Amino acid sequence: MSTKQSLTSIGQPVPELPVTDVERAQQHYRDALGFEIGWLYPGKEIGAVSRGNVAIFFRKKTPPFEAAVHWVFAEDIDATYDELKSSGANIVEPLEKKPWGLRQFTVEDIDGNRFYFHHD
């Protein structure tokens, strides 16, 4: 029997991405990546989008800023690739099997934030 106390449940992290224009980022994620626009705070400094159980926050930053990088597991990597390619996502590295064993592709948004979609 373990004497270690069980951990409390916590929710899924929500990334906050740096962008030059929050409204423009929301529209891009809606149009190219299939997200829904959630909310935009008065002053347009912060806002959000969502897709299924995934939420992303955007915060207005003045360039230059360091873009964010995220790894995203895709259950059906081929269907995800086809969907994002057909919707006009900026795919900067095509779907391929990498030397480290993952099948992956890379999407970059209009502010340079990158998403590595993968499946093993």
Protein backbone atom coordinates (compact mmCIF):
# COMPACT_ATOMS: atom_id res chain seq x y z
CA MET A 1 0.00 0.00 0.00
CA SER A 2 1.36 3.41 -0.97
CA THR A 3 1.55 6.17 1.59
CA LYS A 4 1.86 8.82 -1.12
CA GLN A 5 -1.19 11.09 -1.24
CA SER A 6 -2.92 11.16 -4.63
CA LEU A 7 -2.57 14.34 -6.63
CA THR A 8 -5.52 16.61 -7.29
CA SER A 9 -6.86 16.84 -10.80
CA ILE A 10 -5.77 19.80 -12.88
CA GLY A 11 -7.00 21.00 -16.24
CA GLN A 12 -5.28 21.06 -19.58
CA PRO A 13 -2.76 23.92 -20.01
CA VAL A 14 -3.82 26.78 -22.27
CA PRO A 15 -0.95 28.28 -24.27
CA GLU A 16 -0.69 32.04 -24.66
CA LEU A 17 0.89 32.99 -27.97
CA PRO A 18 2.58 36.30 -28.75
CA VAL A 19 1.00 38.04 -31.76
CA THR A 20 1.20 41.46 -33.37
CA ASP A 21 -2.59 41.77 -33.80
CA VAL A 22 -5.00 39.68 -31.70
CA GLU A 23 -8.02 40.05 -34.02
CA ARG A 24 -5.96 39.14 -37.07
CA ALA A 25 -4.56 36.08 -35.27
CA GLN A 26 -8.08 34.97 -34.27
CA GLN A 27 -9.28 35.29 -37.87
CA HIS A 28 -6.25 33.36 -39.17
CA TYR A 29 -6.79 30.51 -36.71
CA ARG A 30 -10.48 30.41 -37.65
CA ASP A 31 -9.91 30.45 -41.40
CA ALA A 32 -6.72 28.37 -41.77
CA LEU A 33 -6.81 26.08 -38.74
CA GLY A 34 -10.52 25.48 -38.06
CA PHE A 35 -10.79 27.21 -34.68
CA GLU A 36 -13.75 29.23 -33.39
CA ILE A 37 -13.22 32.76 -32.10
CA GLY A 38 -13.92 32.77 -28.38
CA TRP A 39 -13.55 36.22 -26.90
CA LEU A 40 -11.65 39.47 -27.33
CA TYR A 41 -10.93 41.64 -24.31
CA PRO A 42 -11.77 45.36 -24.61
CA GLY A 43 -8.65 47.12 -25.82
CA LYS A 44 -7.87 44.12 -28.04
CA GLU A 45 -4.73 43.19 -26.09
CA ILE A 46 -5.78 39.59 -25.36
CA GLY A 47 -8.25 37.13 -26.86
CA ALA A 48 -8.89 33.45 -27.43
CA VAL A 49 -9.87 30.77 -29.91
CA SER A 50 -10.95 27.17 -29.37
CA ARG A 51 -11.31 23.92 -31.28
CA GLY A 52 -12.85 20.97 -29.49
CA ASN A 53 -11.23 20.80 -26.06
CA VAL A 54 -8.25 22.95 -27.12
CA ALA A 55 -8.10 26.65 -26.26
CA ILE A 56 -5.39 29.13 -27.24
CA PHE A 57 -4.95 32.63 -25.88
CA PHE A 58 -3.28 35.42 -27.85
CA ARG A 59 -1.54 38.41 -26.30
CA LYS A 60 -0.54 41.47 -28.30
CA LYS A 61 3.24 41.99 -28.31
CA THR A 62 5.50 44.42 -30.08
CA PRO A 63 8.05 42.75 -32.36
CA PRO A 64 10.60 41.45 -32.12
CA PHE A 65 9.38 38.68 -29.84
CA GLU A 66 10.24 35.02 -29.50
CA ALA A 67 7.65 32.85 -31.19
CA ALA A 68 6.15 29.93 -29.29
CA VAL A 69 6.63 26.26 -30.18
CA HIS A 70 4.07 23.52 -29.45
CA TRP A 71 4.00 19.78 -30.06
CA VAL A 72 0.53 18.48 -30.92
CA PHE A 73 -0.35 14.78 -31.07
CA ALA A 74 -2.69 13.97 -33.97
CA GLU A 75 -4.60 10.68 -33.73
CA ASP A 76 -4.99 10.55 -37.53
CA ILE A 77 -1.95 12.44 -38.82
CA ASP A 78 -2.86 11.93 -42.49
CA ALA A 79 -6.37 13.36 -42.08
CA THR A 80 -5.03 16.26 -40.00
CA TYR A 81 -2.41 17.04 -42.63
CA ASP A 82 -4.95 16.88 -45.47
CA GLU A 83 -7.42 19.09 -43.57
CA LEU A 84 -4.90 21.80 -42.70
CA LYS A 85 -3.31 21.73 -46.14
CA SER A 86 -6.69 22.12 -47.86
CA SER A 87 -7.72 24.96 -45.53
CA GLY A 88 -4.66 27.03 -46.39
CA ALA A 89 -2.52 26.53 -43.28
CA ASN A 90 1.11 27.57 -43.76
CA ILE A 91 2.77 24.14 -43.78
CA VAL A 92 6.50 24.84 -43.58
CA GLU A 93 7.60 21.19 -43.34
CA PRO A 94 5.53 18.50 -45.12
CA LEU A 95 4.32 15.28 -43.56
CA GLU A 96 7.15 12.77 -43.39
CA LYS A 97 8.69 10.17 -41.13
CA LYS A 98 11.52 11.76 -39.20
CA PRO A 99 14.79 9.99 -38.26
CA TRP A 100 13.61 9.91 -34.62
CA GLY A 101 10.63 7.76 -35.61
CA LEU A 102 7.72 10.23 -35.58
CA ARG A 103 5.58 11.03 -38.59
CA GLN A 104 5.16 14.78 -38.40
CA PHE A 105 4.59 18.06 -40.20
CA THR A 106 5.04 21.66 -39.17
CA VAL A 107 2.61 24.57 -39.36
CA GLU A 108 3.67 28.17 -38.81
CA ASP A 109 1.15 30.92 -38.09
CA ILE A 110 1.28 34.51 -39.34
CA ASP A 111 3.37 35.59 -36.32
CA GLY A 112 5.93 32.78 -36.56
CA ASN A 113 4.48 30.54 -33.84
CA ARG A 114 5.07 26.88 -34.75
CA PHE A 115 3.08 23.72 -34.26
CA TYR A 116 4.71 20.33 -34.75
CA PHE A 117 1.90 17.88 -35.45
CA HIS A 118 3.05 14.31 -34.86
CA HIS A 119 2.07 10.67 -34.59
CA ASP A 120 4.30 7.71 -33.87
